[in-house]
Amino acid sequence: MKPFKVSPVTKEIIVKFSNREVRLPQEIQAKIDAYWDELIANGKPYKRGEVFTVTHKEAADKAIDILVEKTDYAHYLYCQNVESLDENGVRIIHTAVLVETSDNYTIFGEMGPQTSRAGIHQLCGGGIDNDDLRGEYFDFKHNIEKELKEELDIDASDTSRVTYFDEAYLKEGGPTDKMTVVYEVLLNETKDEFLEKYDAFSKNLIESGENPEFGKIIALKKEKNELETFFLRDDIKLDEYMKPLFDQIIKELAG
C-alpha cells in the first residue's frame, strides 16, 4: 500500500480524458459482471454508470497533469468490495469539500442507508462524470458546485451565503490509491443557521419522495482536541481520505 499523502494545492490540477475505455481480460470481466448481477438480484438500486480511472500523472513546475480512461460502476464496486485487481484495478479521482461555518464548525455527514456507502462518514463530494467534461478536460469546480447543491443545498455562487470557495488539498495513496481533490467553502452563517436550512432542505426531499444523501449531518468544532477525539473513535466508519485529511488539518491547527 502506498502511504497516504495530503498536500496543500499549490499547482493547477489538469485532468484530461484520453477518450479511451478500459479493456479488461475476459475472466476478470466475467467476475465483475457476475458480482454486479448478484447485487442487482439482491435488490440493490445501483446504476451501472461511467467511472473514470487515473492511468497517468505527471507533476510539472506549475501544474499536475492527470490522464483518465473510462470504466464503469460495476468495475469500481468490485475493486472496492471484492479485490483490488492490481494493474486492472480502478484508481478514481474525485472531489470533496470542507464546508466551514462562520463560528468555526466543519460540516460533513454519514451516508444514508439507501446509498452504496451506507454508514460511511465523508465530506460532501462525488466522482466526475460526462457532465463535467469541457471538451477533453474535466471541470472540477463544476463538479463540486453540483455536489454542494445536490447534497447540502448550498449554491456556491451565492455570495450572500458563501464568502470563500477554492481548492485546498490533494490526497493520494492509501489502500485504493484514489486521488481526492478537496475544496474549501466558508459560509457566512453559523452552524445552527446552516443546520436549520439543511433540515428544511432534507424535509422537502423526503416529502417529494427522495432521500437525502446523508443520513446524518456531523458538525465538529474546528479545534485540535475536538477533531482528534472524533477521529480516534473506533465505532465509526470513515472514507479512506478522512483520517489523513484531518490529521493534516490538526497538524496545521497545532502550528
Protein backbone atom coordinates (compact mmCIF):
# COMPACT_ATOMS: atom_id res chain seq x y z
CA MET A 1 0.00 0.00 0.00
CA LYS A 2 1.26 3.44 -0.88
CA PRO A 3 1.47 5.79 2.13
CA PHE A 4 -1.17 8.48 2.47
CA LYS A 5 -0.10 11.90 1.26
CA VAL A 6 -2.14 15.07 1.82
CA SER A 7 -0.71 18.27 0.36
CA PRO A 8 -1.99 21.84 0.08
CA VAL A 9 -2.87 22.62 -3.54
CA THR A 10 -0.19 24.93 -4.92
CA LYS A 11 -0.39 23.98 -8.62
CA GLU A 12 -3.17 23.83 -11.18
CA ILE A 13 -4.70 20.34 -11.38
CA ILE A 14 -5.44 19.47 -15.03
CA VAL A 15 -7.44 16.28 -15.68
CA LYS A 16 -7.73 15.13 -19.30
CA PHE A 17 -9.91 12.35 -20.73
CA SER A 18 -7.94 10.06 -23.05
CA ASN A 19 -11.16 9.24 -24.95
CA ARG A 20 -10.44 5.54 -24.34
CA GLU A 21 -12.32 2.87 -22.42
CA VAL A 22 -10.69 0.32 -20.11
CA ARG A 23 -10.45 -3.17 -21.66
CA LEU A 24 -10.22 -5.98 -19.10
CA PRO A 25 -9.18 -9.63 -19.54
CA GLN A 26 -12.24 -11.78 -20.23
CA GLU A 27 -12.01 -13.75 -16.97
CA ILE A 28 -11.87 -10.57 -14.87
CA GLN A 29 -14.77 -9.01 -16.76
CA ALA A 30 -16.82 -12.17 -16.14
CA LYS A 31 -16.20 -11.91 -12.37
CA ILE A 32 -17.26 -8.26 -12.36
CA ASP A 33 -20.41 -8.99 -14.37
CA ALA A 34 -21.36 -11.85 -12.02
CA TYR A 35 -20.81 -9.65 -8.96
CA TRP A 36 -22.95 -6.88 -10.44
CA ASP A 37 -25.74 -9.30 -11.37
CA GLU A 38 -25.73 -10.60 -7.78
CA LEU A 39 -26.03 -7.08 -6.36
CA ILE A 40 -28.98 -6.26 -8.61
CA ALA A 41 -30.65 -9.62 -7.88
CA ASN A 42 -30.38 -8.81 -4.16
CA GLY A 43 -32.30 -5.60 -4.68
CA LYS A 44 -29.51 -3.02 -4.80
CA PRO A 45 -30.82 0.05 -6.68
CA TYR A 46 -27.47 0.83 -8.32
CA LYS A 47 -26.91 2.19 -11.80
CA ARG A 48 -24.01 0.99 -13.93
CA GLY A 49 -22.85 4.45 -14.88
CA GLU A 50 -19.45 5.62 -16.04
CA VAL A 51 -16.43 5.87 -13.74
CA PHE A 52 -13.11 7.44 -14.71
CA THR A 53 -9.83 5.86 -13.62
CA VAL A 54 -6.41 7.53 -13.49
CA THR A 55 -3.87 6.00 -15.88
CA HIS A 56 -1.11 8.61 -15.74
CA LYS A 57 0.01 11.50 -13.53
CA GLU A 58 2.86 13.94 -14.10
CA ALA A 59 3.80 16.89 -11.91
CA ALA A 60 5.42 19.89 -13.60
CA ASP A 61 6.52 23.24 -12.19
CA LYS A 62 3.13 24.93 -12.44
CA ALA A 63 0.64 22.09 -12.94
CA ILE A 64 -0.25 18.48 -12.15
CA ASP A 65 -1.33 16.72 -15.35
CA ILE A 66 -3.60 13.69 -14.94
CA LEU A 67 -4.91 11.37 -17.67
CA VAL A 68 -8.02 9.22 -17.17
CA GLU A 69 -9.83 6.42 -19.03
CA LYS A 70 -13.48 5.39 -18.76
CA THR A 71 -14.74 2.27 -16.99
CA ASP A 72 -17.99 1.62 -15.11
CA TYR A 73 -19.50 1.48 -11.63
CA ALA A 74 -19.51 -2.33 -11.54
CA HIS A 75 -15.73 -2.38 -12.05
CA TYR A 76 -15.30 0.26 -9.33
CA LEU A 77 -17.52 -1.54 -6.77
CA TYR A 78 -15.81 -4.88 -7.43
CA CYS A 79 -12.41 -3.32 -6.72
CA GLN A 80 -13.75 -1.63 -3.57
CA ASN A 81 -15.58 -4.63 -2.12
CA VAL A 82 -14.01 -7.82 -3.50
CA GLU A 83 -10.40 -7.43 -4.67
CA SER A 84 -8.22 -4.56 -5.88
CA LEU A 85 -7.26 -6.27 -9.20
CA ASP A 86 -3.83 -4.59 -9.05
CA GLU A 87 -2.96 -3.27 -12.53
CA ASN A 88 -6.53 -3.95 -13.67
CA GLY A 89 -7.99 -2.01 -10.76
CA VAL A 90 -9.70 1.36 -10.57
CA ARG A 91 -7.90 4.45 -9.30
CA ILE A 92 -10.55 7.11 -9.16
CA ILE A 93 -10.11 10.84 -8.85
CA HIS A 94 -12.98 12.66 -7.19
CA THR A 95 -13.92 15.85 -5.38
CA ALA A 96 -14.74 16.59 -1.75
CA VAL A 97 -15.37 19.83 0.09
CA LEU A 98 -14.66 21.12 3.58
CA VAL A 99 -17.70 23.21 4.50
CA GLU A 100 -16.93 25.61 7.35
CA THR A 101 -19.32 27.91 9.20
CA SER A 102 -18.73 31.44 10.47
CA ASP A 103 -18.46 30.13 14.06
CA ASN A 104 -15.69 27.69 13.06
CA TYR A 105 -17.51 24.37 12.62
CA THR A 106 -16.70 21.84 9.90
CA ILE A 107 -19.67 20.12 8.28
CA PHE A 108 -19.74 16.59 6.84
CA GLY A 109 -22.04 13.58 7.09
CA GLU A 110 -22.76 9.89 7.48
CA MET A 111 -24.02 8.37 4.25
CA GLY A 112 -27.65 7.28 4.18
CA PRO A 113 -28.79 3.63 4.24
CA GLN A 114 -30.05 3.79 0.63
CA THR A 115 -26.57 4.57 -0.74
CA SER A 116 -23.80 2.15 -1.73
CA ARG A 117 -21.64 3.66 1.05
CA ALA A 118 -24.17 3.43 3.88
CA GLY A 119 -22.80 4.41 7.29
CA ILE A 120 -19.52 5.85 6.00
CA HIS A 121 -18.53 9.31 7.22
CA GLN A 122 -17.32 11.57 4.44
CA LEU A 123 -17.32 15.11 3.11
CA CYS A 124 -19.81 16.32 0.55
CA GLY A 125 -18.42 15.36 -2.85
CA GLY A 126 -18.51 12.82 -5.65
CA GLY A 127 -16.99 11.26 -8.70
CA ILE A 128 -16.51 13.03 -12.01
CA ASP A 129 -18.79 12.18 -14.92
CA ASN A 130 -19.55 13.18 -18.51
CA ASP A 131 -21.48 16.22 -17.31
CA ASP A 132 -18.20 17.68 -16.01
CA LEU A 133 -16.36 17.35 -19.34
CA ARG A 134 -15.49 20.51 -21.22
CA GLY A 135 -14.02 19.22 -24.45
CA GLU A 136 -11.21 16.87 -23.37
CA TYR A 137 -10.86 18.31 -19.88
CA PHE A 138 -12.81 17.95 -16.64
CA ASP A 139 -14.20 20.97 -14.82
CA PHE A 140 -13.74 20.01 -11.17
CA LYS A 141 -15.23 23.24 -9.88
CA HIS A 142 -18.44 22.50 -11.77
CA ASN A 143 -18.45 19.01 -10.26
CA ILE A 144 -18.18 20.15 -6.64
CA GLU A 145 -20.66 23.00 -7.18
CA LYS A 146 -23.13 20.37 -8.37
CA GLU A 147 -22.45 18.14 -5.35
CA LEU A 148 -22.84 21.03 -2.90
CA LYS A 149 -26.24 21.86 -4.33
CA GLU A 150 -27.46 18.26 -4.54
CA GLU A 151 -26.22 17.10 -1.12
CA LEU A 152 -26.30 20.21 1.10
CA ASP A 153 -28.41 22.73 -0.87
CA ILE A 154 -25.51 25.20 -0.95
CA ASP A 155 -25.25 27.41 -4.03
CA ALA A 156 -21.52 28.12 -4.28
CA SER A 157 -22.21 31.19 -6.45
CA ASP A 158 -24.43 32.79 -3.78
CA THR A 159 -22.06 35.43 -2.40
CA SER A 160 -24.51 36.36 0.35
CA ARG A 161 -24.03 32.86 1.76
CA VAL A 162 -20.56 31.79 0.55
CA THR A 163 -17.58 34.02 1.33
CA TYR A 164 -14.78 31.76 0.02
CA PHE A 165 -14.61 28.82 -2.40
CA ASP A 166 -11.40 27.28 -3.79
CA GLU A 167 -9.20 24.17 -3.95
CA ALA A 168 -7.41 23.39 -0.70
CA TYR A 169 -5.78 19.91 -0.61
CA LEU A 170 -4.86 16.91 -2.76
CA LYS A 171 -4.92 13.45 -1.16
CA GLU A 172 -3.12 10.46 -2.72
CA GLY A 173 -2.09 6.97 -1.60
CA GLY A 174 -3.84 4.62 0.80
CA PRO A 175 -5.48 1.21 0.18
CA THR A 176 -7.08 2.18 -3.15
CA ASP A 177 -4.64 5.00 -4.07
CA LYS A 178 -7.59 7.15 -5.09
CA MET A 179 -6.99 10.85 -5.59
CA THR A 180 -9.18 13.32 -3.71
CA VAL A 181 -9.28 16.98 -4.73
CA VAL A 182 -10.52 18.78 -1.62
CA TYR A 183 -12.15 22.19 -1.87
CA GLU A 184 -12.90 24.60 0.96
CA VAL A 185 -16.11 26.61 1.33
CA LEU A 186 -16.58 29.26 4.01
CA LEU A 187 -20.17 30.12 4.89
CA ASN A 188 -21.49 33.46 6.07
CA GLU A 189 -23.67 31.69 8.65
CA THR A 190 -23.33 29.85 11.95
CA LYS A 191 -23.59 26.11 12.48
CA ASP A 192 -27.15 26.47 13.81
CA GLU A 193 -28.18 28.64 10.86
CA PHE A 194 -26.77 26.08 8.43
CA LEU A 195 -28.48 23.17 10.21
CA GLU A 196 -31.84 24.97 10.16
CA LYS A 197 -31.57 25.45 6.38
CA TYR A 198 -30.37 21.88 5.86
CA ASP A 199 -33.23 20.42 7.92
CA ALA A 200 -35.76 22.29 5.75
CA PHE A 201 -33.99 21.04 2.59
CA SER A 202 -33.95 17.45 3.89
CA LYS A 203 -37.66 17.54 4.79
CA ASN A 204 -38.54 18.86 1.33
CA LEU A 205 -36.62 16.00 -0.29
CA ILE A 206 -38.39 13.38 1.83
CA GLU A 207 -41.81 14.92 1.16
CA SER A 208 -41.11 14.72 -2.58
CA GLY A 209 -40.23 11.02 -2.32
CA GLU A 210 -36.44 11.36 -2.34
CA ASN A 211 -33.85 10.55 0.30
CA PRO A 212 -31.01 12.91 1.26
CA GLU A 213 -27.54 11.52 0.54
CA PHE A 214 -26.55 11.95 4.16
CA GLY A 215 -28.46 10.03 6.81
CA LYS A 216 -26.87 12.22 9.48
CA ILE A 217 -25.03 15.55 9.48
CA ILE A 218 -21.91 15.97 11.63
CA ALA A 219 -20.74 19.41 12.81
CA LEU A 220 -17.36 19.46 14.55
CA LYS A 221 -15.68 22.48 16.08
CA LYS A 222 -12.51 23.14 14.09
CA GLU A 223 -10.30 22.78 17.16
CA LYS A 224 -7.44 20.33 17.68
CA ASN A 225 -8.89 18.46 20.68
CA GLU A 226 -12.40 18.01 19.26
CA LEU A 227 -11.12 16.81 15.88
CA GLU A 228 -8.61 14.41 17.48
CA THR A 229 -11.28 12.93 19.77
CA PHE A 230 -13.69 12.29 16.90
CA PHE A 231 -11.18 10.75 14.50
CA LEU A 232 -9.71 8.44 17.16
CA ARG A 233 -13.10 6.77 17.68
CA ASP A 234 -13.24 3.10 16.71
CA ASP A 235 -17.04 2.91 16.41
CA ILE A 236 -17.36 4.88 13.16
CA LYS A 237 -16.59 4.11 9.53
CA LEU A 238 -14.60 6.68 7.58
CA ASP A 239 -13.91 7.17 3.90
CA GLU A 240 -10.22 6.47 3.46
CA TYR A 241 -9.30 10.12 2.86
CA MET A 242 -10.95 11.44 6.03
CA LYS A 243 -8.37 10.48 8.68
CA PRO A 244 -5.27 11.61 6.73
CA LEU A 245 -7.01 14.82 5.67
CA PHE A 246 -7.99 15.75 9.20
CA ASP A 247 -4.58 14.68 10.51
CA GLN A 248 -3.17 17.35 8.17
CA ILE A 249 -5.71 19.91 9.40
CA ILE A 250 -4.93 19.07 13.05
CA LYS A 251 -1.23 19.46 12.30
CA GLU A 252 -1.88 22.92 10.83
CA LEU A 253 -4.02 23.91 13.83
CA ALA A 254 -1.24 22.85 16.20
CA GLY A 255 1.17 25.13 14.34
